[in-house]
Amino acid sequence: MHDIYGGIYMSKEYKINLTMEQHKKFERFVMGNDLDFYEDYVINLIDRDQQKFFLENPQFMSELPVSHDKIHLLQDKTFREILRKIVAYEEDKENSIK
């Protein structure tokens, strides 16, 4: 059996073979949060491109307590770890209320 994907006939049995590292990276991309995405992709952009990314994606990292004018702080690993702890604390607090 075949389906059309983007004008291309593909078998439903079509599988992509990923290495374990590729699989982990893909899973983190799909299941990760904005901070994960930032660390994996955005952090490697030059400052001008990071600023452009944040301007074009105003909702990005909106769940974190950092304003867009302080985005440069995200380049500090310690700052990112503190943000992770804040997010984990907030999630624990929400889960304990439910």
Foldseek 3Di string as FASTA:
>chain_A
DWDADPNDTDDPPDDDDDDPVRVVVVCCVVVPALLSVCVVPVLPDPPVVNLVVCVVPVCRPVVFPDDSVRCVCSNDPVVSVVRVVVVVVVVVVVVVVD
